[in-house]
Amino acid sequence: MYKISVNIPDEVLYDTKMSKKEANEFVKKAVALMLYKNKVSMGYCASIAEMCKEDFINFLSENGVSIFTFESEDEYIEEMNNA
């Protein structure tokens, strides 16, 4: 696994009232969210965020990201009719 570090000024932690641990978790989740939006698999993204898949799905939902993708409105309607 490749490790990336990010320098965050102490003032940002102070302003956001985040601990270093909270900031670390926030960055991991933010990166995982952006990677998922760019078509990286849910499993990899959940791993990056250090979450189980179920928690990552909830995290996506909380951030307005659906795990369902449809090519057209007709495909969506067909899927809903089959549910």
C-alpha atoms as a PDB file:
ATOM      1  CA  MET A   1       0.000   0.000   0.000  1.00  0.00           C
ATOM      2  CA  TYR A   2       1.239   3.485  -0.863  1.00  0.00           C
ATOM      3  CA  LYS A   3       1.320   6.028   1.962  1.00  0.00           C
ATOM      4  CA  ILE A   4       0.683   9.733   1.347  1.00  0.00           C
ATOM      5  CA  SER A   5       1.147  12.422   3.963  1.00  0.00           C
ATOM      6  CA  VAL A   6      -0.545  15.802   4.032  1.00  0.00           C
ATOM      7  CA  ASN A   7       0.700  18.838   5.929  1.00  0.00           C
ATOM      8  CA  ILE A   8      -2.144  20.609   7.685  1.00  0.00           C
ATOM      9  CA  PRO A   9      -1.353  23.829   9.546  1.00  0.00           C
ATOM     10  CA  ASP A  10      -2.006  23.727  13.281  1.00  0.00           C
ATOM     11  CA  GLU A  11      -4.308  26.721  12.806  1.00  0.00           C
ATOM     12  CA  VAL A  12      -6.655  24.603  10.682  1.00  0.00           C
ATOM     13  CA  LEU A  13      -6.935  22.045  13.456  1.00  0.00           C
ATOM     14  CA  TYR A  14      -7.516  24.850  15.944  1.00  0.00           C
ATOM     15  CA  ASP A  15     -10.143  26.557  13.751  1.00  0.00           C
ATOM     16  CA  THR A  16     -12.017  23.321  13.101  1.00  0.00           C
ATOM     17  CA  LYS A  17     -11.580  22.088  16.678  1.00  0.00           C
ATOM     18  CA  MET A  18     -10.323  18.768  15.302  1.00  0.00           C
ATOM     19  CA  SER A  19      -7.794  16.605  17.032  1.00  0.00           C
ATOM     20  CA  LYS A  20      -4.952  15.174  14.966  1.00  0.00           C
ATOM     21  CA  LYS A  21      -6.737  11.815  15.019  1.00  0.00           C
ATOM     22  CA  GLU A  22     -10.007  13.377  13.801  1.00  0.00           C
ATOM     23  CA  ALA A  23      -8.177  15.249  11.037  1.00  0.00           C
ATOM     24  CA  ASN A  24      -6.463  12.036   9.947  1.00  0.00           C
ATOM     25  CA  GLU A  25      -9.812  10.209   9.785  1.00  0.00           C
ATOM     26  CA  PHE A  26     -11.400  13.152   7.954  1.00  0.00           C
ATOM     27  CA  VAL A  27      -8.691  13.179   5.276  1.00  0.00           C
ATOM     28  CA  LYS A  28      -8.918   9.407   4.754  1.00  0.00           C
ATOM     29  CA  LYS A  29     -12.687   9.607   4.336  1.00  0.00           C
ATOM     30  CA  ALA A  30     -12.449  12.622   2.011  1.00  0.00           C
ATOM     31  CA  VAL A  31      -9.907  10.858  -0.195  1.00  0.00           C
ATOM     32  CA  ALA A  32     -11.999   7.674  -0.248  1.00  0.00           C
ATOM     33  CA  LEU A  33     -15.101   9.685  -1.184  1.00  0.00           C
ATOM     34  CA  MET A  34     -13.361  11.420  -4.084  1.00  0.00           C
ATOM     35  CA  LEU A  35     -11.831   8.173  -5.319  1.00  0.00           C
ATOM     36  CA  TYR A  36     -15.244   6.472  -5.233  1.00  0.00           C
ATOM     37  CA  LYS A  37     -16.703   9.344  -7.262  1.00  0.00           C
ATOM     38  CA  ASN A  38     -13.907   8.686  -9.763  1.00  0.00           C
ATOM     39  CA  LYS A  39     -14.894   5.031 -10.188  1.00  0.00           C
ATOM     40  CA  VAL A  40     -12.544   3.321  -7.716  1.00  0.00           C
ATOM     41  CA  SER A  41     -14.214   0.231  -6.230  1.00  0.00           C
ATOM     42  CA  MET A  42     -16.216   0.451  -3.050  1.00  0.00           C
ATOM     43  CA  GLY A  43     -14.014  -2.168  -1.396  1.00  0.00           C
ATOM     44  CA  TYR A  44     -10.811  -0.217  -2.000  1.00  0.00           C
ATOM     45  CA  CYS A  45     -12.429   3.033  -0.893  1.00  0.00           C
ATOM     46  CA  ALA A  46     -13.851   1.485   2.274  1.00  0.00           C
ATOM     47  CA  SER A  47     -10.377   0.152   3.035  1.00  0.00           C
ATOM     48  CA  ILE A  48      -8.808   3.589   2.515  1.00  0.00           C
ATOM     49  CA  ALA A  49     -11.415   5.128   4.828  1.00  0.00           C
ATOM     50  CA  GLU A  50     -10.779   2.308   7.329  1.00  0.00           C
ATOM     51  CA  MET A  51     -14.470   1.444   7.350  1.00  0.00           C
ATOM     52  CA  CYS A  52     -16.449  -1.708   6.680  1.00  0.00           C
ATOM     53  CA  LYS A  53     -18.451  -1.621   3.430  1.00  0.00           C
ATOM     54  CA  GLU A  54     -21.746  -1.091   5.263  1.00  0.00           C
ATOM     55  CA  ASP A  55     -20.406   1.956   7.114  1.00  0.00           C
ATOM     56  CA  PHE A  56     -18.860   3.280   3.900  1.00  0.00           C
ATOM     57  CA  ILE A  57     -22.217   2.965   2.105  1.00  0.00           C
ATOM     58  CA  ASN A  58     -23.819   4.972   4.937  1.00  0.00           C
ATOM     59  CA  PHE A  59     -21.003   7.528   4.677  1.00  0.00           C
ATOM     60  CA  LEU A  60     -21.627   7.842   0.927  1.00  0.00           C
ATOM     61  CA  SER A  61     -25.335   8.360   1.558  1.00  0.00           C
ATOM     62  CA  GLU A  62     -24.631  11.032   4.185  1.00  0.00           C
ATOM     63  CA  ASN A  63     -22.569  12.824   1.538  1.00  0.00           C
ATOM     64  CA  GLY A  64     -25.216  12.610  -1.186  1.00  0.00           C
ATOM     65  CA  VAL A  65     -23.502   9.868  -3.184  1.00  0.00           C
ATOM     66  CA  SER A  66     -25.597   6.958  -4.417  1.00  0.00           C
ATOM     67  CA  ILE A  67     -24.156   3.489  -4.852  1.00  0.00           C
ATOM     68  CA  PHE A  68     -26.584   2.937  -7.727  1.00  0.00           C
ATOM     69  CA  THR A  69     -25.777   4.156 -11.216  1.00  0.00           C
ATOM     70  CA  PHE A  70     -28.159   4.032 -14.123  1.00  0.00           C
ATOM     71  CA  GLU A  71     -27.399   4.916 -17.728  1.00  0.00           C
ATOM     72  CA  SER A  72     -30.846   6.392 -18.320  1.00  0.00           C
ATOM     73  CA  GLU A  73     -34.118   7.231 -16.635  1.00  0.00           C
ATOM     74  CA  ASP A  74     -35.694   4.245 -18.413  1.00  0.00           C
ATOM     75  CA  GLU A  75     -33.122   1.903 -16.869  1.00  0.00           C
ATOM     76  CA  TYR A  76     -33.920   3.353 -13.431  1.00  0.00           C
ATOM     77  CA  ILE A  77     -37.678   2.929 -13.933  1.00  0.00           C
ATOM     78  CA  GLU A  78     -37.199  -0.642 -15.148  1.00  0.00           C
ATOM     79  CA  GLU A  79     -35.105  -1.468 -12.084  1.00  0.00           C
ATOM     80  CA  MET A  80     -37.721   0.062  -9.753  1.00  0.00           C
ATOM     81  CA  ASN A  81     -40.485  -1.931 -11.458  1.00  0.00           C
ATOM     82  CA  ASN A  82     -38.497  -5.126 -10.904  1.00  0.00           C
ATOM     83  CA  ALA A  83     -37.842  -4.393  -7.228  1.00  0.00           C
END
